[in-house]
Amino acid sequence: MATKGKIVLILHLLCYLSFFGPSFSDTDTILQGHQFQDWDQLISANKSFKLQFFSPGTTNNRYLAIFYNKGPLMSFWKAAVWVANRDTSIPNASGNLMVDIDGNLKFSYISSGSHITIVLNSAPAKGNASVTLLDSGNLVMRELNSDGSPGQVLWQSFDCPTDTDKVPASGSFTLGGDPNGTSQLIIWWQGDVYWTSGLWHDGHFEFAPRLSHYDYPNFSYVSNEDEKYLTYLVTENDILTWYTMDSFGFVLERSVVAPFGACSLLEGPKTGCVKQKQPECRNQDNWFHEKRVSNGIDVPVSGGANDGIGIATSSHSDDYTVLQ
């Protein structure tokens, strides 16, 4: 009888866990009203990418991120490929992602007894909606049509790219399209223009005729009344390629400085680089000066640097190096 009681208890527990919430480990989609929590994983349909919470380095803070899940890049690239809350770390395992009943994609957590909510999409869904991790690594929120098929895209992680090398927090450099609507790329340093690609014409940018060291990436620039964006495609056999911006302002292609935008290495008037104004007390040949920040306090650094500006890791999770 005792054994039978144990079996009944286990069955009741399994039923309770099944009722309590869905398992995301075998799906690529979060349905409206379902919470994706700290211990869950979302796997893309072809198993190439996964969405999960993680803690980088020695910190216990939690971040929601997309990782490679299989294939050659998983061996070469251990860092996250996208982080949802790079500037808002979670101090515990209370984080969750969901589409609420009002059609908002919400990222929530509890800190010091307060419930913090960040709404990711700017326009709520008018009807039912879901969030799907695509085989491209793009996390997409879409409205659902009346037959349940995916409809209009309301938000996607591809519109919010993040460099995630070592330290998730935002650095001093930003790469993006010109907000004034011209067909060019711009790198900003602390809000000031640092480099421009020049206008796109005849299949290339004026100051960046080559965007890759290799021949296989096929770049295209789309420009119409609704949107402007740069994209590239590779064949499946040439999948080992990716671009990141490191903490020193270099755009890296497969971990090597790309053939554009490296202003502390490039010379000549046709590079697109904008010389930064330095304080009078500084050697004008040095673009930047290094300092270290530990727990919010400036720490002197011996020597100098003129390679760039950004954030780099140190032995402590709350320490970083800034080149100013």
Protein backbone atom coordinates (compact mmCIF):
# COMPACT_ATOMS: atom_id res chain seq x y z
CA MET A 1 0.00 0.00 0.00
CA ALA A 2 2.91 2.35 0.81
CA THR A 3 4.33 1.80 -2.68
CA LYS A 4 0.95 2.53 -4.25
CA GLY A 5 0.74 5.75 -2.20
CA LYS A 6 4.14 6.85 -3.47
CA ILE A 7 3.11 6.18 -7.08
CA VAL A 8 -0.07 8.22 -6.65
CA LEU A 9 1.91 11.07 -5.06
CA ILE A 10 4.43 11.11 -7.94
CA LEU A 11 1.64 11.13 -10.52
CA HIS A 12 -0.06 14.04 -8.76
CA LEU A 13 3.27 15.92 -8.67
CA LEU A 14 3.86 15.37 -12.39
CA CYS A 15 0.37 16.56 -13.19
CA TYR A 16 0.93 19.66 -11.05
CA LEU A 17 4.22 20.48 -12.77
CA SER A 18 2.64 20.03 -16.20
CA PHE A 19 -0.21 22.33 -15.22
CA PHE A 20 2.10 24.91 -13.60
CA GLY A 21 3.76 25.93 -16.87
CA PRO A 22 4.91 24.78 -20.31
CA SER A 23 8.31 23.29 -21.07
CA PHE A 24 10.19 25.41 -23.61
CA SER A 25 13.14 23.06 -24.17
CA ASP A 26 11.43 21.36 -27.14
CA THR A 27 9.87 24.41 -28.82
CA ASP A 28 10.91 27.61 -30.57
CA THR A 29 7.89 29.71 -29.57
CA ILE A 30 6.50 31.49 -26.51
CA LEU A 31 2.72 31.84 -26.70
CA GLN A 32 0.86 34.85 -25.34
CA GLY A 33 0.37 34.66 -21.59
CA HIS A 34 3.14 32.10 -21.03
CA GLN A 35 6.17 33.11 -18.98
CA PHE A 36 9.67 32.21 -20.16
CA GLN A 37 11.59 31.94 -16.87
CA ASP A 38 15.19 31.77 -15.68
CA TRP A 39 15.51 27.99 -16.00
CA ASP A 40 13.85 27.70 -19.44
CA GLN A 41 15.44 27.32 -22.87
CA LEU A 42 13.98 28.19 -26.27
CA ILE A 43 15.51 26.25 -29.18
CA SER A 44 15.18 27.29 -32.84
CA ALA A 45 13.53 24.79 -35.18
CA ASN A 46 16.80 23.56 -36.73
CA LYS A 47 18.50 23.55 -33.29
CA SER A 48 21.13 26.13 -34.36
CA PHE A 49 20.29 28.76 -31.70
CA LYS A 50 18.99 28.82 -28.14
CA LEU A 51 17.57 31.51 -25.84
CA GLN A 52 18.42 31.24 -22.15
CA PHE A 53 19.46 33.18 -19.05
CA PHE A 54 23.16 33.16 -18.09
CA SER A 55 25.74 34.77 -15.80
CA PRO A 56 28.96 35.95 -17.53
CA GLY A 57 32.37 35.57 -15.93
CA THR A 58 32.42 35.56 -12.15
CA THR A 59 29.28 37.64 -11.64
CA ASN A 60 26.02 36.20 -10.34
CA ASN A 61 23.95 38.75 -12.25
CA ARG A 62 21.61 37.25 -14.82
CA TYR A 63 21.14 38.17 -18.49
CA LEU A 64 18.76 36.86 -21.15
CA ALA A 65 20.70 35.97 -24.29
CA ILE A 66 20.82 34.06 -27.56
CA PHE A 67 23.64 31.53 -28.05
CA TYR A 68 24.77 29.19 -30.79
CA ASN A 69 23.39 25.76 -29.98
CA LYS A 70 25.13 23.58 -32.57
CA GLY A 71 27.34 23.69 -35.64
CA PRO A 72 30.93 24.92 -36.27
CA LEU A 73 30.41 28.36 -34.73
CA MET A 74 29.47 26.86 -31.38
CA SER A 75 33.07 25.64 -31.00
CA PHE A 76 34.63 28.97 -32.02
CA TRP A 77 32.22 31.46 -30.44
CA LYS A 78 31.33 30.78 -26.81
CA ALA A 79 29.91 34.22 -26.03
CA ALA A 80 26.28 35.17 -26.48
CA VAL A 81 25.34 36.52 -29.91
CA TRP A 82 22.62 38.83 -28.52
CA VAL A 83 21.70 40.05 -25.02
CA ALA A 84 18.25 41.43 -24.16
CA ASN A 85 19.18 43.31 -20.98
CA ARG A 86 22.84 44.22 -21.49
CA ASP A 87 22.55 47.44 -19.42
CA THR A 88 20.02 46.14 -16.88
CA SER A 89 21.40 43.07 -15.14
CA ILE A 90 19.14 40.94 -12.93
CA PRO A 91 20.47 40.32 -9.39
CA ASN A 92 18.65 36.99 -9.01
CA ALA A 93 16.74 34.27 -10.85
CA SER A 94 13.43 36.16 -10.97
CA GLY A 95 13.69 37.25 -14.62
CA ASN A 96 11.02 36.30 -17.14
CA LEU A 97 9.91 37.18 -20.66
CA MET A 98 6.30 37.10 -21.83
CA VAL A 99 3.67 38.61 -24.13
CA ASP A 100 0.96 39.88 -21.78
CA ILE A 101 -2.78 40.03 -22.43
CA ASP A 102 -2.41 43.60 -23.74
CA GLY A 103 -0.03 42.49 -26.48
CA ASN A 104 3.16 43.87 -24.90
CA LEU A 105 6.44 41.96 -24.95
CA LYS A 106 7.61 42.43 -21.35
CA PHE A 107 10.90 41.66 -19.65
CA SER A 108 10.36 41.56 -15.86
CA TYR A 109 12.29 40.82 -12.67
CA ILE A 110 12.28 41.55 -8.94
CA SER A 111 14.97 43.75 -7.34
CA SER A 112 15.06 44.84 -3.69
CA GLY A 113 11.42 43.90 -3.31
CA SER A 114 10.31 45.97 -6.32
CA HIS A 115 8.84 44.51 -9.50
CA ILE A 116 10.71 45.95 -12.51
CA THR A 117 9.15 45.75 -16.00
CA ILE A 118 10.71 46.73 -19.33
CA VAL A 119 8.47 46.78 -22.42
CA LEU A 120 10.48 45.85 -25.52
CA ASN A 121 8.01 46.53 -28.34
CA SER A 122 6.85 50.06 -29.12
CA ALA A 123 3.43 49.07 -30.54
CA PRO A 124 1.29 46.42 -28.78
CA ALA A 125 -0.35 43.63 -30.72
CA LYS A 126 -3.96 44.25 -31.69
CA GLY A 127 -4.80 40.56 -31.32
CA ASN A 128 -3.00 37.40 -30.27
CA ALA A 129 0.79 37.36 -30.59
CA SER A 130 3.74 35.04 -30.06
CA VAL A 131 7.53 35.17 -29.83
CA THR A 132 9.65 32.80 -31.94
CA LEU A 133 13.39 32.13 -32.11
CA LEU A 134 14.14 31.71 -35.82
CA ASP A 135 16.82 29.55 -37.42
CA SER A 136 18.65 32.79 -38.33
CA GLY A 137 19.10 33.59 -34.61
CA ASN A 138 16.50 36.36 -34.78
CA LEU A 139 14.02 36.56 -31.88
CA VAL A 140 10.75 37.80 -33.40
CA MET A 141 7.43 38.92 -31.93
CA ARG A 142 4.58 38.58 -34.43
CA GLU A 143 0.85 39.04 -34.46
CA LEU A 144 -1.10 35.87 -35.20
CA ASN A 145 -3.62 35.71 -38.01
CA SER A 146 -7.12 34.39 -37.37
CA ASP A 147 -6.01 30.91 -38.52
CA GLY A 148 -3.07 30.94 -36.09
CA SER A 149 -0.39 31.52 -38.73
CA PRO A 150 2.34 34.14 -38.11
CA GLY A 151 1.44 37.65 -39.25
CA GLN A 152 2.96 41.12 -38.96
CA VAL A 153 6.34 41.50 -37.22
CA LEU A 154 5.99 43.83 -34.22
CA TRP A 155 9.50 43.55 -32.78
CA GLN A 156 12.71 41.65 -33.55
CA SER A 157 16.12 41.34 -31.96
CA PHE A 158 17.80 42.02 -35.34
CA ASP A 159 16.61 45.64 -34.94
CA CYS A 160 18.50 45.85 -31.63
CA PRO A 161 21.97 44.37 -32.33
CA THR A 162 24.40 44.13 -29.41
CA ASP A 163 28.07 43.26 -29.13
CA THR A 164 28.40 40.74 -26.33
CA ASP A 165 32.11 39.96 -26.17
CA LYS A 166 33.12 39.38 -22.53
CA VAL A 167 31.11 42.23 -20.96
CA PRO A 168 27.41 42.65 -21.89
CA ALA A 169 27.19 46.34 -20.87
CA SER A 170 27.22 49.02 -23.58
CA GLY A 171 30.62 50.49 -24.41
CA SER A 172 31.62 53.87 -25.80
CA PHE A 173 31.29 52.99 -29.50
CA THR A 174 28.13 52.55 -31.58
CA LEU A 175 27.86 51.36 -35.18
CA GLY A 176 24.66 52.05 -37.10
CA GLY A 177 22.92 53.65 -40.05
CA ASP A 178 22.75 57.41 -40.47
CA PRO A 179 19.66 58.68 -38.57
CA ASN A 180 19.43 61.54 -41.10
CA GLY A 181 18.45 59.05 -43.78
CA THR A 182 21.58 59.01 -45.95
CA SER A 183 22.75 55.66 -47.29
CA GLN A 184 25.84 55.29 -45.15
CA LEU A 185 27.13 53.69 -41.97
CA ILE A 186 28.45 55.68 -39.01
CA ILE A 187 30.53 54.80 -35.96
CA TRP A 188 29.95 57.11 -33.00
CA TRP A 189 32.25 57.54 -30.01
CA GLN A 190 30.35 58.78 -26.96
CA GLY A 191 27.79 60.36 -29.30
CA ASP A 192 30.30 62.07 -31.62
CA VAL A 193 30.89 60.91 -35.20
CA TYR A 194 34.10 58.85 -35.26
CA TRP A 195 33.93 57.27 -38.73
CA THR A 196 31.64 57.38 -41.78
CA SER A 197 31.48 54.87 -44.59
CA GLY A 198 30.53 57.40 -47.22
CA LEU A 199 27.45 56.88 -49.39
CA TRP A 200 26.53 53.51 -50.90
CA HIS A 201 26.98 53.61 -54.67
CA ASP A 202 27.51 50.91 -57.31
CA GLY A 203 27.61 48.11 -54.77
CA HIS A 204 29.98 49.59 -52.16
CA PHE A 205 30.49 52.45 -49.71
CA GLU A 206 32.72 55.38 -50.69
CA PHE A 207 35.22 54.98 -47.81
CA ALA A 208 34.70 51.23 -47.40
CA PRO A 209 35.02 49.63 -50.85
CA ARG A 210 35.62 46.28 -49.13
CA LEU A 211 33.61 45.14 -46.13
CA SER A 212 35.22 41.72 -45.90
CA HIS A 213 38.65 40.16 -46.20
CA TYR A 214 36.98 37.29 -48.08
CA ASP A 215 35.08 36.96 -51.34
CA TYR A 216 32.13 34.83 -50.26
CA PRO A 217 29.98 37.30 -48.22
CA ASN A 218 27.40 38.84 -50.57
CA PHE A 219 26.55 42.34 -49.27
CA SER A 220 23.51 44.33 -50.30
CA TYR A 221 22.10 47.67 -49.17
CA VAL A 222 18.33 48.08 -49.19
CA SER A 223 16.94 51.61 -49.36
CA ASN A 224 13.29 52.53 -49.86
CA GLU A 225 10.66 54.84 -48.36
CA ASP A 226 10.05 52.46 -45.46
CA GLU A 227 13.52 51.33 -44.43
CA LYS A 228 17.26 51.31 -45.03
CA TYR A 229 19.52 48.45 -44.00
CA LEU A 230 22.71 46.58 -44.86
CA THR A 231 22.66 42.80 -45.01
CA TYR A 232 24.91 40.00 -46.20
CA LEU A 233 24.45 36.36 -47.10
CA VAL A 234 26.82 33.39 -47.21
CA THR A 235 26.39 29.85 -48.44
CA GLU A 236 26.01 27.06 -45.90
CA ASN A 237 29.57 25.85 -46.56
CA ASP A 238 30.92 29.31 -45.71
CA ILE A 239 28.94 29.81 -42.51
CA LEU A 240 32.05 30.54 -40.43
CA THR A 241 31.80 34.33 -40.61
CA TRP A 242 30.55 36.96 -38.20
CA TYR A 243 31.05 40.62 -37.33
CA THR A 244 31.41 42.21 -33.89
CA MET A 245 32.48 45.59 -32.53
CA ASP A 246 35.03 45.23 -29.76
CA SER A 247 35.56 47.47 -26.75
CA PHE A 248 38.30 49.45 -28.55
CA GLY A 249 36.07 50.53 -31.43
CA PHE A 250 37.32 47.99 -33.98
CA VAL A 251 34.84 46.17 -36.18
CA LEU A 252 36.02 42.56 -36.20
CA GLU A 253 35.40 40.00 -38.89
CA ARG A 254 35.98 36.50 -37.54
CA SER A 255 37.95 38.07 -34.66
CA VAL A 256 40.26 39.97 -37.08
CA VAL A 257 40.05 43.74 -37.67
CA ALA A 258 37.77 44.29 -40.65
CA PRO A 259 39.01 46.37 -43.64
CA PHE A 260 37.08 49.47 -42.56
CA GLY A 261 36.46 51.76 -39.60
CA ALA A 262 39.74 51.16 -37.70
CA CYS A 263 40.64 54.84 -37.40
CA SER A 264 43.61 54.40 -35.07
CA LEU A 265 45.20 52.15 -37.72
CA LEU A 266 44.09 53.82 -40.97
CA GLU A 267 45.76 56.84 -42.56
CA GLY A 268 44.86 59.22 -45.37
CA PRO A 269 41.91 61.49 -46.21
CA LYS A 270 39.81 58.76 -47.86
CA THR A 271 39.34 56.57 -44.80
CA GLY A 272 36.18 58.21 -43.47
CA CYS A 273 37.80 58.85 -40.08
CA VAL A 274 36.92 62.01 -38.16
CA LYS A 275 39.80 63.23 -35.99
CA GLN A 276 38.69 63.64 -32.39
CA LYS A 277 39.44 66.87 -30.53
CA GLN A 278 41.81 66.18 -27.64
CA PRO A 279 42.48 68.20 -24.47
CA GLU A 280 45.42 70.60 -24.85
CA CYS A 281 47.37 68.71 -22.20
CA ARG A 282 47.33 65.49 -24.23
CA ASN A 283 49.68 64.42 -27.03
CA GLN A 284 47.66 65.12 -30.18
CA ASP A 285 49.08 61.98 -31.81
CA ASN A 286 47.21 59.86 -29.25
CA TRP A 287 43.56 59.37 -30.07
CA PHE A 288 42.57 58.29 -26.58
CA HIS A 289 43.82 57.90 -23.03
CA GLU A 290 43.25 54.86 -20.85
CA LYS A 291 41.69 54.80 -17.41
CA ARG A 292 40.28 51.99 -15.28
CA VAL A 293 37.01 52.03 -13.38
CA SER A 294 36.55 49.75 -10.38
CA ASN A 295 33.19 49.77 -8.59
CA GLY A 296 32.49 53.21 -10.06
CA ILE A 297 35.83 54.74 -8.95
CA ASP A 298 38.57 55.87 -11.37
CA VAL A 299 41.84 53.98 -10.86
CA PRO A 300 45.12 55.34 -12.35
CA VAL A 301 46.65 53.25 -15.14
CA SER A 302 50.35 53.42 -15.91
CA GLY A 303 51.27 54.23 -19.48
CA GLY A 304 48.82 55.27 -22.19
CA ALA A 305 46.94 53.97 -25.17
CA ASN A 306 45.97 55.21 -28.58
CA ASP A 307 44.18 52.17 -29.98
CA GLY A 308 40.59 53.19 -29.36
CA ILE A 309 38.01 53.39 -26.64
CA GLY A 310 35.70 50.97 -24.92
CA ILE A 311 35.23 48.43 -22.18
CA ALA A 312 37.38 45.40 -21.49
CA THR A 313 37.15 42.73 -18.82
CA SER A 314 39.28 42.55 -15.70
CA SER A 315 39.56 40.11 -12.81
CA HIS A 316 36.43 41.55 -11.16
CA SER A 317 32.97 41.55 -12.70
CA ASP A 318 32.34 45.20 -11.79
CA ASP A 319 35.68 46.48 -13.17
CA TYR A 320 36.25 47.69 -16.71
CA THR A 321 38.76 49.74 -18.69
CA VAL A 322 37.77 52.89 -20.59
CA LEU A 323 39.87 54.70 -23.20
CA GLN A 324 38.93 58.38 -23.27
